[in-house]
N, C-alpha and C. Protein backbone atom coordinates (compact mmCIF):
# COMPACT_ATOMS: atom_id res chain seq x y z
N MET A 1 81.71 -16.97 74.40
CA MET A 1 80.71 -15.98 74.89
C MET A 1 81.43 -14.64 75.23
N GLU A 2 82.42 -14.88 75.99
CA GLU A 2 83.16 -13.59 76.46
C GLU A 2 83.56 -12.74 75.08
N GLU A 3 84.17 -13.44 74.04
CA GLU A 3 84.65 -12.65 72.95
C GLU A 3 83.51 -11.90 72.27
N ILE A 4 82.38 -12.57 72.09
CA ILE A 4 81.20 -11.91 71.45
C ILE A 4 80.76 -10.70 72.34
N GLN A 5 80.64 -10.96 73.60
CA GLN A 5 80.10 -9.89 74.54
C GLN A 5 81.09 -8.84 74.52
N ASP A 6 82.28 -8.88 74.76
CA ASP A 6 83.26 -7.93 75.00
C ASP A 6 83.68 -7.10 73.71
N LYS A 7 83.31 -7.56 72.55
CA LYS A 7 83.71 -6.83 71.29
C LYS A 7 82.52 -6.19 70.86
N GLU A 8 82.73 -5.01 69.86
CA GLU A 8 81.79 -4.38 69.38
C GLU A 8 81.03 -5.11 68.40
N ALA A 9 79.73 -5.02 68.20
CA ALA A 9 79.00 -5.63 67.20
C ALA A 9 79.65 -5.34 65.76
N GLY A 10 79.77 -6.36 64.93
CA GLY A 10 80.37 -6.20 63.57
C GLY A 10 81.87 -6.48 63.60
N THR A 11 82.52 -6.79 64.77
CA THR A 11 83.81 -7.13 64.89
C THR A 11 84.10 -8.54 64.12
N TYR A 12 83.13 -9.45 64.30
CA TYR A 12 83.19 -10.77 63.67
C TYR A 12 82.15 -10.86 62.62
N GLN A 13 82.31 -11.46 61.51
CA GLN A 13 81.47 -11.74 60.50
C GLN A 13 80.54 -13.04 60.64
N PHE A 14 81.13 -14.03 61.24
CA PHE A 14 80.49 -15.20 61.57
C PHE A 14 81.27 -16.00 62.69
N ILE A 15 80.63 -17.02 63.24
CA ILE A 15 81.43 -17.77 64.18
C ILE A 15 81.43 -19.33 63.68
N LEU A 16 82.57 -19.99 63.77
CA LEU A 16 82.70 -21.30 63.61
C LEU A 16 82.64 -21.95 64.98
N MET A 17 81.54 -22.59 65.38
CA MET A 17 81.32 -23.00 66.80
C MET A 17 81.65 -24.54 66.95
N ASP A 18 82.53 -24.82 67.72
CA ASP A 18 82.87 -26.16 68.09
C ASP A 18 81.73 -26.72 69.03
N VAL A 19 81.21 -27.83 68.61
CA VAL A 19 80.05 -28.31 69.36
C VAL A 19 80.42 -28.74 70.65
N GLN A 20 81.68 -29.47 70.89
CA GLN A 20 82.11 -30.13 72.01
C GLN A 20 83.20 -29.19 72.71
N MET A 21 82.81 -28.49 73.65
CA MET A 21 83.67 -27.58 74.37
C MET A 21 83.65 -27.99 75.85
N PRO A 22 84.62 -27.72 76.71
CA PRO A 22 84.69 -28.22 78.07
C PRO A 22 83.65 -27.45 79.03
N ARG A 23 83.55 -26.19 79.11
CA ARG A 23 82.65 -25.61 80.07
C ARG A 23 81.27 -25.44 79.64
N MET A 24 81.16 -25.13 78.41
CA MET A 24 79.78 -24.70 77.74
C MET A 24 79.88 -25.45 76.37
N ASN A 25 79.01 -26.32 76.03
CA ASN A 25 79.12 -26.86 74.65
C ASN A 25 78.52 -25.89 73.70
N GLY A 26 78.83 -26.01 72.44
CA GLY A 26 78.40 -25.08 71.41
C GLY A 26 76.89 -24.93 71.30
N TYR A 27 76.06 -25.90 71.49
CA TYR A 27 74.63 -25.65 71.52
C TYR A 27 74.17 -24.59 72.56
N GLU A 28 74.82 -24.82 73.77
CA GLU A 28 74.43 -23.80 74.88
C GLU A 28 74.91 -22.45 74.60
N ALA A 29 76.16 -22.36 74.00
CA ALA A 29 76.89 -21.14 73.70
C ALA A 29 75.97 -20.41 72.62
N THR A 30 75.54 -21.11 71.55
CA THR A 30 74.77 -20.61 70.58
C THR A 30 73.39 -20.08 71.12
N GLN A 31 72.76 -20.82 72.03
CA GLN A 31 71.48 -20.28 72.59
C GLN A 31 71.71 -18.98 73.51
N LYS A 32 72.75 -19.03 74.17
CA LYS A 32 73.17 -17.68 74.89
C LYS A 32 73.48 -16.57 73.94
N ILE A 33 74.06 -16.81 72.91
CA ILE A 33 74.36 -15.64 71.79
C ILE A 33 73.07 -15.24 71.24
N ARG A 34 72.21 -16.16 70.93
CA ARG A 34 70.77 -15.80 70.36
C ARG A 34 70.11 -15.01 71.29
N GLN A 35 70.31 -15.02 72.73
CA GLN A 35 69.56 -14.31 73.65
C GLN A 35 70.10 -12.85 73.97
N LEU A 36 71.30 -12.57 73.40
CA LEU A 36 72.02 -11.30 73.71
C LEU A 36 70.87 -10.08 73.51
N ALA A 37 71.17 -9.17 74.37
CA ALA A 37 70.25 -7.96 74.06
C ALA A 37 70.57 -7.21 72.84
N ASP A 38 71.88 -7.23 72.41
CA ASP A 38 72.31 -6.50 71.10
C ASP A 38 72.00 -7.43 70.07
N VAL A 39 70.90 -6.87 69.26
CA VAL A 39 70.35 -7.78 68.19
C VAL A 39 71.35 -8.06 67.11
N LYS A 40 72.26 -7.14 66.90
CA LYS A 40 73.23 -7.41 65.87
C LYS A 40 74.19 -8.60 66.16
N LYS A 41 74.62 -8.65 67.59
CA LYS A 41 75.35 -9.69 68.03
C LYS A 41 74.53 -10.92 68.13
N ALA A 42 73.32 -10.85 68.47
CA ALA A 42 72.48 -12.06 68.64
C ALA A 42 72.23 -12.80 67.22
N GLN A 43 72.36 -11.98 66.31
CA GLN A 43 71.96 -12.60 64.92
C GLN A 43 73.11 -12.95 64.12
N ILE A 44 74.27 -12.94 64.62
CA ILE A 44 75.63 -13.30 63.90
C ILE A 44 75.51 -14.75 63.36
N PRO A 45 75.91 -15.02 62.15
CA PRO A 45 75.87 -16.38 61.62
C PRO A 45 76.69 -17.24 62.39
N ILE A 46 76.20 -18.51 62.87
CA ILE A 46 76.99 -19.40 63.56
C ILE A 46 76.95 -20.79 62.84
N ILE A 47 78.08 -21.31 62.63
CA ILE A 47 78.26 -22.51 61.83
C ILE A 47 78.82 -23.58 62.77
N ALA A 48 78.03 -24.73 62.94
CA ALA A 48 78.63 -25.69 63.81
C ALA A 48 79.75 -26.62 63.11
N MET A 49 80.73 -26.83 64.00
CA MET A 49 81.85 -27.61 63.57
C MET A 49 81.80 -28.85 64.45
N THR A 50 81.73 -30.00 63.74
CA THR A 50 81.64 -31.29 64.79
C THR A 50 82.10 -32.47 64.03
N ALA A 51 82.58 -33.44 64.67
CA ALA A 51 82.91 -34.85 64.24
C ALA A 51 81.71 -35.68 64.11
N ASN A 52 80.63 -35.24 64.79
CA ASN A 52 79.45 -36.02 64.86
C ASN A 52 78.64 -35.92 63.44
N ALA A 53 78.55 -36.81 62.79
CA ALA A 53 78.06 -36.77 61.42
C ALA A 53 76.80 -37.30 61.07
N PHE A 54 75.86 -37.54 62.01
CA PHE A 54 74.51 -38.12 61.92
C PHE A 54 73.60 -36.93 61.64
N GLU A 55 72.56 -37.11 60.99
CA GLU A 55 71.56 -36.23 60.52
C GLU A 55 70.81 -35.67 61.86
N GLU A 56 70.73 -36.39 62.85
CA GLU A 56 70.29 -35.81 64.25
C GLU A 56 71.33 -34.84 64.78
N ASP A 57 72.58 -34.93 64.48
CA ASP A 57 73.44 -33.93 64.88
C ASP A 57 73.24 -32.70 64.22
N ARG A 58 73.09 -32.74 62.91
CA ARG A 58 72.71 -31.47 62.10
C ARG A 58 71.40 -30.90 62.59
N LYS A 59 70.50 -31.62 62.87
CA LYS A 59 69.17 -31.21 63.34
C LYS A 59 69.29 -30.47 64.62
N HIS A 60 70.11 -31.13 65.58
CA HIS A 60 70.27 -30.50 66.83
C HIS A 60 70.95 -29.11 66.80
N ALA A 61 72.01 -29.07 65.87
CA ALA A 61 72.63 -27.70 65.63
C ALA A 61 71.67 -26.76 65.12
N LEU A 62 70.96 -27.06 64.12
CA LEU A 62 69.98 -26.10 63.61
C LEU A 62 68.83 -25.83 64.64
N ASP A 63 68.33 -26.77 65.35
CA ASP A 63 67.54 -26.43 66.48
C ASP A 63 67.96 -25.55 67.59
N ALA A 64 69.36 -25.59 67.81
CA ALA A 64 69.92 -24.78 68.80
C ALA A 64 70.20 -23.26 68.34
N GLY A 65 69.85 -23.03 67.02
CA GLY A 65 69.94 -21.55 66.52
C GLY A 65 71.16 -21.52 65.68
N MET A 66 71.86 -22.55 65.21
CA MET A 66 72.97 -22.42 64.37
C MET A 66 72.51 -22.31 62.76
N ASP A 67 73.24 -21.64 62.05
CA ASP A 67 72.80 -21.42 60.71
C ASP A 67 73.52 -22.46 59.65
N GLY A 68 74.45 -23.16 60.02
CA GLY A 68 75.06 -24.12 59.15
C GLY A 68 75.91 -25.17 59.98
N PHE A 69 76.40 -26.12 59.09
CA PHE A 69 76.87 -27.42 59.78
C PHE A 69 78.02 -27.83 58.96
N ILE A 70 79.15 -28.04 59.55
CA ILE A 70 80.28 -28.71 58.98
C ILE A 70 80.84 -29.85 59.67
N MET A 71 81.02 -30.93 59.08
CA MET A 71 81.59 -32.05 59.77
C MET A 71 83.14 -32.13 59.70
N LYS A 72 83.69 -32.52 60.80
CA LYS A 72 85.15 -32.69 60.88
C LYS A 72 85.46 -34.14 60.56
N PRO A 73 86.60 -34.48 59.86
CA PRO A 73 87.43 -33.57 59.27
C PRO A 73 86.71 -32.98 58.13
N PHE A 74 87.15 -31.78 57.67
CA PHE A 74 86.36 -31.03 56.53
C PHE A 74 87.36 -30.89 55.42
N ARG A 75 86.79 -30.64 54.29
CA ARG A 75 87.57 -30.11 53.10
C ARG A 75 87.42 -28.67 52.99
N VAL A 76 88.53 -27.94 52.66
CA VAL A 76 88.38 -26.55 52.63
C VAL A 76 87.15 -26.04 51.71
N ASP A 77 87.14 -26.71 50.54
CA ASP A 77 86.04 -26.25 49.56
C ASP A 77 84.72 -26.47 50.13
N GLU A 78 84.51 -27.53 50.83
CA GLU A 78 83.10 -27.91 51.53
C GLU A 78 82.96 -26.77 52.62
N MET A 79 83.91 -26.44 53.41
CA MET A 79 83.76 -25.37 54.40
C MET A 79 83.42 -24.07 53.84
N MET A 80 84.07 -23.63 52.63
CA MET A 80 83.76 -22.43 51.97
C MET A 80 82.39 -22.35 51.33
N LYS A 81 81.89 -23.51 50.94
CA LYS A 81 80.64 -23.56 50.45
C LYS A 81 79.64 -23.33 51.57
N VAL A 82 79.87 -24.00 52.65
CA VAL A 82 78.80 -23.68 53.77
C VAL A 82 78.99 -22.33 54.20
N ILE A 83 80.15 -21.78 54.39
CA ILE A 83 80.34 -20.29 54.78
C ILE A 83 79.59 -19.37 53.81
N GLY A 84 79.70 -19.59 52.64
CA GLY A 84 79.15 -18.79 51.40
C GLY A 84 77.59 -18.79 51.65
N GLU A 85 77.01 -20.05 51.84
CA GLU A 85 75.59 -20.10 51.85
C GLU A 85 75.02 -19.29 53.10
N VAL A 86 75.74 -19.42 54.27
CA VAL A 86 75.28 -18.80 55.51
C VAL A 86 75.44 -17.28 55.31
N MET A 87 76.30 -16.81 54.78
CA MET A 87 76.71 -15.38 54.56
C MET A 87 75.81 -14.88 53.33
N GLU A 88 75.09 -15.46 52.73
CA GLU A 88 74.22 -14.88 51.55
C GLU A 88 73.22 -13.99 52.22
């Protein structure tokens, strides 16, 4: 949250969001980003990265406002495919 808040809009092209973080999980962080007053920052593409591989995990990420979903461990070609889809 601090990184996106403190930087100018457009500094980052997208976010790879770890779902399981210590102080604030990725779902909460995504929801907070989506509520930012700066629309450019609020609309940044966010891709979930998680070892949770069930369809309900994918749905939870998308419901939280994430734009894509990558399961860990991942293959680089799969990650690049998801990034490409989200960035279109």
